[in-house]
C-alpha atoms as a PDB file:
ATOM      1  CA  MET A   1     -15.584-100.765 -80.457  1.00  0.00           C
ATOM      2  CA  LEU A   2     -14.904 -99.113 -77.092  1.00  0.00           C
ATOM      3  CA  ALA A   3     -12.678 -96.509 -78.754  1.00  0.00           C
ATOM      4  CA  LEU A   4     -15.427 -95.788 -81.285  1.00  0.00           C
ATOM      5  CA  ARG A   5     -17.984 -95.331 -78.516  1.00  0.00           C
ATOM      6  CA  ARG A   6     -15.698 -92.788 -76.883  1.00  0.00           C
ATOM      7  CA  LEU A   7     -15.576 -90.801 -80.104  1.00  0.00           C
ATOM      8  CA  TYR A   8     -19.341 -90.392 -80.419  1.00  0.00           C
ATOM      9  CA  PRO A   9     -19.707 -87.619 -77.791  1.00  0.00           C
ATOM     10  CA  LEU A  10     -16.638 -85.803 -79.121  1.00  0.00           C
ATOM     11  CA  VAL A  11     -17.877 -85.888 -82.711  1.00  0.00           C
ATOM     12  CA  ALA A  12     -21.358 -84.797 -81.632  1.00  0.00           C
ATOM     13  CA  CYS A  13     -20.145 -81.828 -79.575  1.00  0.00           C
ATOM     14  CA  ALA A  14     -17.542 -80.775 -82.128  1.00  0.00           C
ATOM     15  CA  GLY A  15     -20.013 -81.020 -84.998  1.00  0.00           C
ATOM     16  CA  ILE A  16     -22.577 -78.898 -83.179  1.00  0.00           C
ATOM     17  CA  ALA A  17     -19.922 -76.289 -82.367  1.00  0.00           C
ATOM     18  CA  VAL A  18     -18.796 -76.150 -86.010  1.00  0.00           C
ATOM     19  CA  ALA A  19     -22.411 -75.869 -87.160  1.00  0.00           C
ATOM     20  CA  VAL A  20     -23.151 -72.963 -84.838  1.00  0.00           C
ATOM     21  CA  GLY A  21     -19.923 -71.186 -85.774  1.00  0.00           C
ATOM     22  CA  SER A  22     -20.579 -71.646 -89.490  1.00  0.00           C
ATOM     23  CA  MET A  23     -24.106 -70.289 -89.179  1.00  0.00           C
ATOM     24  CA  VAL A  24     -22.882 -67.195 -87.367  1.00  0.00           C
ATOM     25  CA  VAL A  25     -20.159 -66.611 -89.942  1.00  0.00           C
ATOM     26  CA  GLY A  26     -22.657 -67.147 -92.750  1.00  0.00           C
ATOM     27  CA  GLN A  27     -24.861 -64.391 -91.362  1.00  0.00           C
ATOM     28  CA  VAL A  28     -22.009 -61.967 -90.719  1.00  0.00           C
ATOM     29  CA  VAL A  29     -19.858 -62.263 -93.840  1.00  0.00           C
ATOM     30  CA  ALA A  30     -22.373 -63.402 -96.451  1.00  0.00           C
ATOM     31  CA  THR A  31     -21.577 -62.136 -99.939  1.00  0.00           C
ATOM     32  CA  THR A  32     -25.226 -61.788-100.930  1.00  0.00           C
ATOM     33  CA  HIS A  33     -27.450 -58.776-100.451  1.00  0.00           C
ATOM     34  CA  SER A  34     -30.527 -60.954-100.027  1.00  0.00           C
ATOM     35  CA  ASP A  35     -32.435 -60.643 -96.783  1.00  0.00           C
ATOM     36  CA  PRO A  36     -31.835 -63.883 -94.845  1.00  0.00           C
ATOM     37  CA  PHE A  37     -35.137 -63.414 -93.028  1.00  0.00           C
ATOM     38  CA  ALA A  38     -37.113 -63.337 -96.302  1.00  0.00           C
ATOM     39  CA  LEU A  39     -35.725 -66.674 -97.531  1.00  0.00           C
ATOM     40  CA  THR A  40     -35.893 -70.175 -96.155  1.00  0.00           C
ATOM     41  CA  ILE A  41     -32.628 -71.561 -94.813  1.00  0.00           C
ATOM     42  CA  GLY A  42     -32.221 -73.698 -97.922  1.00  0.00           C
ATOM     43  CA  GLU A  43     -32.865 -70.752-100.250  1.00  0.00           C
ATOM     44  CA  TYR A  44     -30.459 -68.547 -98.330  1.00  0.00           C
ATOM     45  CA  ALA A  45     -27.775 -71.229 -98.558  1.00  0.00           C
ATOM     46  CA  ALA A  46     -28.229 -71.300-102.338  1.00  0.00           C
ATOM     47  CA  VAL A  47     -27.569 -67.567-102.744  1.00  0.00           C
ATOM     48  CA  GLU A  48     -25.272 -66.626 -99.862  1.00  0.00           C
ATOM     49  CA  GLY A  49     -22.133 -67.295-101.905  1.00  0.00           C
ATOM     50  CA  ASN A  50     -19.632 -68.561 -99.307  1.00  0.00           C
ATOM     51  CA  GLY A  51     -20.826 -72.070 -98.477  1.00  0.00           C
ATOM     52  CA  THR A  52     -20.941 -71.583 -94.727  1.00  0.00           C
ATOM     53  CA  THR A  53     -24.599 -72.566 -94.382  1.00  0.00           C
ATOM     54  CA  GLU A  54     -23.958 -75.783 -96.324  1.00  0.00           C
ATOM     55  CA  LEU A  55     -21.011 -76.503 -94.025  1.00  0.00           C
ATOM     56  CA  ALA A  56     -23.238 -75.885 -91.015  1.00  0.00           C
ATOM     57  CA  MET A  57     -25.868 -78.341 -92.250  1.00  0.00           C
ATOM     58  CA  ILE A  58     -23.285 -81.026 -93.022  1.00  0.00           C
ATOM     59  CA  SER A  59     -21.651 -80.569 -89.610  1.00  0.00           C
ATOM     60  CA  LEU A  60     -25.013 -80.730 -87.857  1.00  0.00           C
ATOM     61  CA  ALA A  61     -25.957 -83.864 -89.803  1.00  0.00           C
ATOM     62  CA  VAL A  62     -22.701 -85.611 -88.834  1.00  0.00           C
ATOM     63  CA  ALA A  63     -23.065 -84.460 -85.220  1.00  0.00           C
ATOM     64  CA  SER A  64     -26.639 -85.751 -85.073  1.00  0.00           C
ATOM     65  CA  LEU A  65     -25.684 -89.144 -86.478  1.00  0.00           C
ATOM     66  CA  ALA A  66     -22.893 -89.413 -83.900  1.00  0.00           C
ATOM     67  CA  LEU A  67     -25.292 -88.349 -81.141  1.00  0.00           C
ATOM     68  CA  VAL A  68     -27.841 -91.012 -82.073  1.00  0.00           C
ATOM     69  CA  ALA A  69     -25.122 -93.676 -82.148  1.00  0.00           C
ATOM     70  CA  GLY A  70     -23.701 -92.433 -78.847  1.00  0.00           C
ATOM     71  CA  LEU A  71     -27.071 -92.419 -77.101  1.00  0.00           C
ATOM     72  CA  ARG A  72     -27.729 -95.960 -78.245  1.00  0.00           C
ATOM     73  CA  ALA A  73     -24.281 -97.097 -77.152  1.00  0.00           C
ATOM     74  CA  ALA A  74     -24.787 -95.469 -73.744  1.00  0.00           C
ATOM     75  CA  ARG A  75     -28.240 -97.069 -73.446  1.00  0.00           C
ATOM     76  CA  ALA A  76     -29.902 -93.743 -72.837  1.00  0.00           C
ATOM     77  CA  PRO A  77     -33.516 -94.162 -71.624  1.00  0.00           C
ATOM     78  CA  LEU A  78     -35.144 -92.950 -74.811  1.00  0.00           C
ATOM     79  CA  GLY A  79     -37.334 -95.753 -76.067  1.00  0.00           C
ATOM     80  CA  THR A  80     -37.723 -97.116 -79.590  1.00  0.00           C
ATOM     81  CA  ALA A  81     -39.976 -94.326 -80.858  1.00  0.00           C
ATOM     82  CA  VAL A  82     -37.578 -91.588 -79.744  1.00  0.00           C
ATOM     83  CA  GLU A  83     -34.569 -93.381 -81.183  1.00  0.00           C
ATOM     84  CA  ARG A  84     -36.326 -93.695 -84.515  1.00  0.00           C
ATOM     85  CA  LEU A  85     -37.358 -90.042 -84.510  1.00  0.00           C
ATOM     86  CA  LEU A  86     -33.775 -88.988 -83.753  1.00  0.00           C
ATOM     87  CA  ALA A  87     -32.582 -91.213 -86.585  1.00  0.00           C
ATOM     88  CA  VAL A  88     -35.158 -89.582 -88.880  1.00  0.00           C
ATOM     89  CA  TRP A  89     -33.947 -86.132 -87.777  1.00  0.00           C
ATOM     90  CA  SER A  90     -30.359 -87.120 -88.551  1.00  0.00           C
ATOM     91  CA  GLY A  91     -31.292 -88.611 -91.902  1.00  0.00           C
ATOM     92  CA  ALA A  92     -33.343 -85.578 -92.906  1.00  0.00           C
ATOM     93  CA  LEU A  93     -30.434 -83.271 -92.059  1.00  0.00           C
ATOM     94  CA  THR A  94     -28.154 -85.426 -94.184  1.00  0.00           C
ATOM     95  CA  VAL A  95     -30.545 -85.111 -97.125  1.00  0.00           C
ATOM     96  CA  MET A  96     -30.745 -81.335 -96.605  1.00  0.00           C
ATOM     97  CA  ALA A  97     -26.963 -81.098 -96.561  1.00  0.00           C
ATOM     98  CA  PHE A  98     -26.372 -83.097 -99.738  1.00  0.00           C
ATOM     99  CA  VAL A  99     -29.484 -82.073-101.708  1.00  0.00           C
ATOM    100  CA  PRO A 100     -29.378 -78.272-101.565  1.00  0.00           C
ATOM    101  CA  ALA A 101     -32.304 -76.087-102.545  1.00  0.00           C
ATOM    102  CA  GLY A 102     -32.223 -74.222-105.841  1.00  0.00           C
ATOM    103  CA  VAL A 103     -31.705 -70.496-106.232  1.00  0.00           C
ATOM    104  CA  PRO A 104     -35.060 -68.776-105.547  1.00  0.00           C
ATOM    105  CA  GLY A 105     -36.588 -67.037-108.532  1.00  0.00           C
ATOM    106  CA  SER A 106     -34.520 -68.885-111.128  1.00  0.00           C
ATOM    107  CA  ALA A 107     -36.146 -70.430-114.172  1.00  0.00           C
ATOM    108  CA  GLY A 108     -35.066 -73.902-113.053  1.00  0.00           C
ATOM    109  CA  ALA A 109     -35.144 -77.162-114.958  1.00  0.00           C
ATOM    110  CA  LEU A 110     -37.047 -80.249-113.869  1.00  0.00           C
ATOM    111  CA  ASP A 111     -34.111 -81.531-111.817  1.00  0.00           C
ATOM    112  CA  ASP A 112     -33.946 -78.174-109.995  1.00  0.00           C
ATOM    113  CA  TRP A 113     -37.642 -78.465-109.167  1.00  0.00           C
ATOM    114  CA  MET A 114     -37.208 -82.013-107.923  1.00  0.00           C
ATOM    115  CA  ARG A 115     -34.215 -80.979-105.812  1.00  0.00           C
ATOM    116  CA  ASP A 116     -36.275 -78.207-104.251  1.00  0.00           C
ATOM    117  CA  GLN A 117     -39.046 -80.666-103.458  1.00  0.00           C
ATOM    118  CA  VAL A 118     -36.680 -83.173-101.845  1.00  0.00           C
ATOM    119  CA  HIS A 119     -34.966 -80.445 -99.803  1.00  0.00           C
ATOM    120  CA  GLY A 120     -38.302 -78.976 -98.745  1.00  0.00           C
ATOM    121  CA  TYR A 121     -39.739 -82.296 -97.590  1.00  0.00           C
ATOM    122  CA  ALA A 122     -36.506 -83.159 -95.766  1.00  0.00           C
ATOM    123  CA  SER A 123     -36.544 -79.840 -93.899  1.00  0.00           C
ATOM    124  CA  ALA A 124     -40.190 -80.352 -92.953  1.00  0.00           C
ATOM    125  CA  VAL A 125     -39.422 -83.831 -91.618  1.00  0.00           C
ATOM    126  CA  ALA A 126     -36.419 -82.534 -89.663  1.00  0.00           C
ATOM    127  CA  PHE A 127     -38.373 -79.652 -88.153  1.00  0.00           C
ATOM    128  CA  VAL A 128     -41.180 -81.984 -87.016  1.00  0.00           C
ATOM    129  CA  ALA A 129     -39.213 -85.045 -85.869  1.00  0.00           C
ATOM    130  CA  LEU A 130     -37.055 -83.423 -83.187  1.00  0.00           C
ATOM    131  CA  PRO A 131     -39.779 -81.548 -81.241  1.00  0.00           C
ATOM    132  CA  VAL A 132     -41.823 -84.761 -81.111  1.00  0.00           C
ATOM    133  CA  ALA A 133     -38.774 -86.740 -79.980  1.00  0.00           C
ATOM    134  CA  GLY A 134     -38.002 -84.151 -77.310  1.00  0.00           C
ATOM    135  CA  ALA A 135     -41.545 -84.258 -75.945  1.00  0.00           C
ATOM    136  CA  LEU A 136     -41.531 -88.053 -75.804  1.00  0.00           C
ATOM    137  CA  MET A 137     -38.172 -88.405 -74.079  1.00  0.00           C
ATOM    138  CA  VAL A 138     -38.791 -85.999 -71.174  1.00  0.00           C
ATOM    139  CA  THR A 139     -40.514 -88.501 -68.869  1.00  0.00           C
ATOM    140  CA  ARG A 140     -37.960 -91.239 -69.478  1.00  0.00           C
ATOM    141  CA  LEU A 141     -35.064 -88.871 -68.846  1.00  0.00           C
ATOM    142  CA  GLY A 142     -36.609 -87.703 -65.597  1.00  0.00           C
ATOM    143  CA  GLU A 143     -36.889 -91.284 -64.340  1.00  0.00           C
ATOM    144  CA  ASP A 144     -33.210 -92.101 -64.931  1.00  0.00           C
ATOM    145  CA  GLU A 145     -30.659 -90.811 -62.414  1.00  0.00           C
ATOM    146  CA  ARG A 146     -27.980 -90.451 -65.081  1.00  0.00           C
ATOM    147  CA  TRP A 147     -30.149 -88.246 -67.302  1.00  0.00           C
ATOM    148  CA  LYS A 148     -32.442 -86.597 -64.752  1.00  0.00           C
ATOM    149  CA  ALA A 149     -30.333 -83.410 -64.773  1.00  0.00           C
ATOM    150  CA  VAL A 150     -31.244 -82.636 -68.380  1.00  0.00           C
ATOM    151  CA  ALA A 151     -34.919 -83.619 -68.248  1.00  0.00           C
ATOM    152  CA  ARG A 152     -36.148 -80.095 -67.465  1.00  0.00           C
ATOM    153  CA  PRO A 153     -33.938 -78.318 -70.058  1.00  0.00           C
ATOM    154  CA  VAL A 154     -35.064 -80.826 -72.681  1.00  0.00           C
ATOM    155  CA  GLU A 155     -38.682 -80.224 -71.684  1.00  0.00           C
ATOM    156  CA  TRP A 156     -38.401 -76.448 -72.101  1.00  0.00           C
ATOM    157  CA  LEU A 157     -36.483 -76.733 -75.350  1.00  0.00           C
ATOM    158  CA  ALA A 158     -38.984 -79.236 -76.749  1.00  0.00           C
ATOM    159  CA  LEU A 159     -41.736 -76.763 -75.861  1.00  0.00           C
ATOM    160  CA  ALA A 160     -39.810 -73.963 -77.595  1.00  0.00           C
ATOM    161  CA  CYS A 161     -39.388 -76.179 -80.655  1.00  0.00           C
ATOM    162  CA  GLY A 162     -43.116 -76.848 -80.663  1.00  0.00           C
ATOM    163  CA  PHE A 163     -43.950 -73.145 -80.625  1.00  0.00           C
ATOM    164  CA  GLY A 164     -41.325 -72.564 -83.316  1.00  0.00           C
ATOM    165  CA  LEU A 165     -42.848 -75.280 -85.478  1.00  0.00           C
ATOM    166  CA  VAL A 166     -46.275 -73.664 -85.166  1.00  0.00           C
ATOM    167  CA  ALA A 167     -44.770 -70.294 -86.132  1.00  0.00           C
ATOM    168  CA  VAL A 168     -42.998 -71.729 -89.187  1.00  0.00           C
ATOM    169  CA  THR A 169     -46.169 -73.529 -90.301  1.00  0.00           C
ATOM    170  CA  TYR A 170     -48.233 -70.351 -89.980  1.00  0.00           C
ATOM    171  CA  VAL A 171     -45.689 -68.198 -91.784  1.00  0.00           C
ATOM    172  CA  ALA A 172     -45.238 -70.738 -94.592  1.00  0.00           C
ATOM    173  CA  LEU A 173     -48.978 -71.157 -95.246  1.00  0.00           C
ATOM    174  CA  PRO A 174     -51.408 -68.337 -94.347  1.00  0.00           C
ATOM    175  CA  GLY A 175     -48.630 -65.900 -93.442  1.00  0.00           C
ATOM    176  CA  ASP A 176     -47.442 -65.432 -97.059  1.00  0.00           C
ATOM    177  CA  ARG A 177     -43.846 -66.305 -96.072  1.00  0.00           C
ATOM    178  CA  VAL A 178     -43.357 -63.048 -94.166  1.00  0.00           C
ATOM    179  CA  PHE A 179     -40.151 -63.485 -92.138  1.00  0.00           C
ATOM    180  CA  ILE A 180     -40.037 -67.169 -93.108  1.00  0.00           C
ATOM    181  CA  GLY A 181     -36.267 -67.139 -92.678  1.00  0.00           C
ATOM    182  CA  LEU A 182     -36.445 -65.659 -89.186  1.00  0.00           C
ATOM    183  CA  ALA A 183     -38.995 -68.269 -88.112  1.00  0.00           C
ATOM    184  CA  GLU A 184     -36.874 -71.121 -89.475  1.00  0.00           C
ATOM    185  CA  TRP A 185     -33.635 -69.832 -87.927  1.00  0.00           C
ATOM    186  CA  VAL A 186     -35.296 -69.468 -84.509  1.00  0.00           C
ATOM    187  CA  LEU A 187     -36.734 -72.988 -84.738  1.00  0.00           C
ATOM    188  CA  LEU A 188     -33.392 -74.406 -85.868  1.00  0.00           C
ATOM    189  CA  ALA A 189     -31.627 -72.628 -82.999  1.00  0.00           C
ATOM    190  CA  ALA A 190     -34.008 -74.240 -80.484  1.00  0.00           C
ATOM    191  CA  GLU A 191     -33.490 -77.665 -82.054  1.00  0.00           C
ATOM    192  CA  ILE A 192     -29.706 -77.268 -82.036  1.00  0.00           C
ATOM    193  CA  ALA A 193     -29.895 -76.282 -78.362  1.00  0.00           C
ATOM    194  CA  LEU A 194     -31.892 -79.446 -77.627  1.00  0.00           C
ATOM    195  CA  VAL A 195     -29.405 -81.797 -79.289  1.00  0.00           C
ATOM    196  CA  ALA A 196     -26.528 -79.824 -77.708  1.00  0.00           C
ATOM    197  CA  VAL A 197     -27.933 -80.488 -74.228  1.00  0.00           C
ATOM    198  CA  LEU A 198     -28.062 -84.203 -74.987  1.00  0.00           C
ATOM    199  CA  ALA A 199     -24.574 -84.199 -76.525  1.00  0.00           C
ATOM    200  CA  VAL A 200     -23.006 -82.381 -73.561  1.00  0.00           C
ATOM    201  CA  ARG A 201     -24.674 -84.748 -71.096  1.00  0.00           C
ATOM    202  CA  LEU A 202     -23.505 -87.737 -73.129  1.00  0.00           C
ATOM    203  CA  ALA A 203     -19.953 -86.390 -73.084  1.00  0.00           C
ATOM    204  CA  HIS A 204     -20.146 -85.810 -69.317  1.00  0.00           C
ATOM    205  CA  LEU A 205     -21.382 -89.350 -68.650  1.00  0.00           C
ATOM    206  CA  SER A 206     -18.750 -90.807 -70.958  1.00  0.00           C
ATOM    207  CA  ARG A 207     -15.981 -88.924 -69.176  1.00  0.00           C
ATOM    208  CA  ALA A 208     -17.348 -89.906 -65.761  1.00  0.00           C
ATOM    209  CA  GLY A 209     -17.472 -93.546 -66.848  1.00  0.00           C
ATOM    210  CA  ARG A 210     -13.855 -93.478 -68.003  1.00  0.00           C
ATOM    211  CA  THR A 211     -12.789 -91.896 -64.726  1.00  0.00           C
ATOM    212  CA  ALA A 212     -14.629 -94.544 -62.705  1.00  0.00           C
ATOM    213  CA  ARG A 213     -13.087 -97.362 -64.730  1.00  0.00           C
ATOM    214  CA  ALA A 214      -9.625 -95.856 -64.337  1.00  0.00           C
ATOM    215  CA  SER A 215     -10.118 -95.603 -60.567  1.00  0.00           C
ATOM    216  CA  GLN A 216     -11.242 -99.218 -60.349  1.00  0.00           C
ATOM    217  CA  ALA A 217      -8.247-100.351 -62.406  1.00  0.00           C
ATOM    218  CA  ALA A 218      -5.881 -98.428 -60.141  1.00  0.00           C
ATOM    219  CA  LEU A 219      -7.440 -99.938 -57.024  1.00  0.00           C
ATOM    220  CA  GLY A 220      -7.350-103.393 -58.551  1.00  0.00           C
END
């Protein structure tokens, strides 16, 4: 169990790094001529042609699951509501990764329509859950000496996620989907930054704990 707990921060950080790298590669070497800013992330993944966006979503889902498990194992001062919201975020990402959106503009059978609906609802849940979790955890983080260092970054990133969520909602509804992709990518970038801050802090605390235990063992 102890060895597994040590792996959580590593898996979380590595998964986030792979996700970011895959997203960058997907934008640079995509084989499609579609405008990524005119399509949702799910739609762009369906037409990009190289699978890098799907890889990014799977990596981010795995990283998020590891982060939630690691935070619980480390007894981070999050509270039940925040833990559940982070679990919802992780679960929604998993659904997005394994239930891809259909190709936009295709005729589509009933199962394609249902897949689009599931992917769309999962993305909406993911986009909402993390900003709310970030806003709720700020006070608790600031009151804990171990996590106080990341309270302010989490606060600013949660605020950025909130503004991004408002932008995505406006663009998706009265904005006629103008630059819907850009709005979603910016929001996703802010949310990845938020979980990355938590993952890096978790890794730092885990390493510090191992060092302290090793020092005590040597003195003993």
